[in-house]
Protein backbone atom coordinates (compact mmCIF):
# COMPACT_ATOMS: atom_id res chain seq x y z
CA MET A 1 -9.63 -38.04 63.63
CA THR A 2 -7.86 -37.12 59.91
CA GLU A 3 -8.92 -34.49 58.00
CA GLU A 4 -10.19 -35.21 54.41
CA LYS A 5 -8.46 -34.19 51.88
CA MET A 6 -10.04 -31.47 49.58
CA VAL A 7 -10.67 -31.13 46.10
CA GLU A 8 -10.93 -27.71 43.54
CA VAL A 9 -13.14 -28.45 40.72
CA TYR A 10 -14.79 -25.94 38.10
CA ILE A 11 -18.19 -24.60 38.14
CA PRO A 12 -18.98 -24.91 35.40
CA ALA A 13 -16.19 -27.77 34.52
CA LEU A 14 -12.54 -26.10 32.67
CA VAL A 15 -13.81 -27.91 29.73
CA ALA A 16 -17.44 -26.39 28.90
CA LEU A 17 -15.61 -23.08 29.82
CA LEU A 18 -12.66 -23.65 27.29
CA THR A 19 -15.23 -24.86 24.74
CA ARG A 20 -17.38 -21.73 25.21
CA ALA A 21 -14.19 -19.66 25.09
CA GLU A 22 -13.47 -21.11 21.67
CA LYS A 23 -16.83 -20.66 19.77
CA LEU A 24 -17.37 -17.41 20.65
CA ALA A 25 -13.58 -16.41 19.73
CA GLU A 26 -14.53 -18.19 16.38
CA ARG A 27 -10.50 -19.79 16.63
CA GLU A 28 -8.43 -21.72 18.36
CA LEU A 29 -7.48 -20.53 21.88
CA THR A 30 -3.60 -19.65 22.31
CA LYS A 31 -2.40 -20.77 25.39
CA GLU A 32 -1.89 -18.07 27.20
CA GLU A 33 -5.93 -17.78 27.22
CA VAL A 34 -6.82 -21.20 28.22
CA LEU A 35 -4.12 -20.46 31.21
CA ARG A 36 -5.74 -17.38 31.72
CA ILE A 37 -9.31 -18.72 31.90
CA ARG A 38 -8.27 -21.43 34.47
CA ASP A 39 -6.77 -19.25 36.28
CA ASN A 40 -9.59 -16.79 36.34
CA SER A 41 -12.57 -19.20 36.61
CA ALA A 42 -14.37 -19.96 40.00
CA THR A 43 -13.76 -23.16 41.87
CA VAL A 44 -15.20 -25.13 44.93
CA SER A 45 -13.71 -27.48 47.30
CA GLN A 46 -14.59 -30.63 47.57
CA PRO A 47 -13.81 -33.58 49.95
CA LEU A 48 -12.30 -36.78 47.59
CA SER A 49 -15.00 -38.75 48.72
CA ALA A 50 -17.86 -36.84 46.85
CA MET A 51 -15.76 -37.69 43.60
CA PRO A 52 -17.36 -40.28 42.27
CA SER A 53 -20.79 -38.56 42.85
CA PHE A 54 -19.82 -35.55 41.44
CA ILE A 55 -18.59 -36.78 38.16
CA ASN A 56 -21.29 -39.70 38.17
CA GLN A 57 -23.88 -36.42 38.15
CA ARG A 58 -21.72 -33.98 35.75
CA GLY A 59 -21.76 -36.75 33.28
CA TYR A 60 -18.20 -36.45 32.10
CA HIS A 61 -14.76 -35.97 33.84
CA ASP A 62 -13.11 -32.61 33.65
CA LEU A 63 -9.30 -31.30 32.54
CA TYR A 64 -6.73 -31.85 35.00
CA ALA A 65 -6.25 -27.73 35.58
CA PRO A 66 -2.51 -27.95 36.37
CA GLU A 67 -2.10 -29.45 32.49
CA ALA A 68 -5.16 -27.33 31.28
CA TRP A 69 -3.03 -26.12 28.48
CA GLU A 70 -1.88 -29.95 27.47
CA GLU A 71 -4.80 -32.04 28.24
CA TRP A 72 -7.10 -29.26 26.34
CA LYS A 73 -5.06 -29.76 22.92
CA ALA A 74 -5.54 -33.60 23.42
CA TYR A 75 -9.04 -32.76 23.77
CA ARG A 76 -9.20 -30.41 20.56
CA MET A 77 -7.51 -33.09 19.05
CA GLY A 78 -10.16 -35.95 19.68
CA LYS A 79 -7.15 -37.82 22.18
CA LEU A 80 -8.55 -36.99 25.12
CA ASP A 81 -11.32 -38.83 26.30
CA LEU A 82 -13.38 -37.21 29.10
CA SER A 83 -16.42 -39.68 29.15
CA ILE A 84 -17.07 -41.74 32.20
CA ASN A 85 -17.63 -45.62 32.38
CA GLU A 86 -20.05 -47.59 34.78
CA SER A 87 -17.36 -47.89 37.18
CA THR A 88 -16.81 -44.25 37.58
């Protein structure tokens, strides 16, 4: 029997946490702030097979944590679309 791969997901979503932090700061977050928020935010483990349903329930994709700073910059500039499509 093979054990299913587990993945970590942010609760709430990392993109939501960063958006809120930036709104509260009333300025753009620095790289250090983004990484600190990423590293100190709550995650839960979830089976990989449950991710499509989880993403559909959430209504959007989240940032990829190992590339949080790069993806956050792209998201803020409108170059990263986190919306889901019908096949997700």
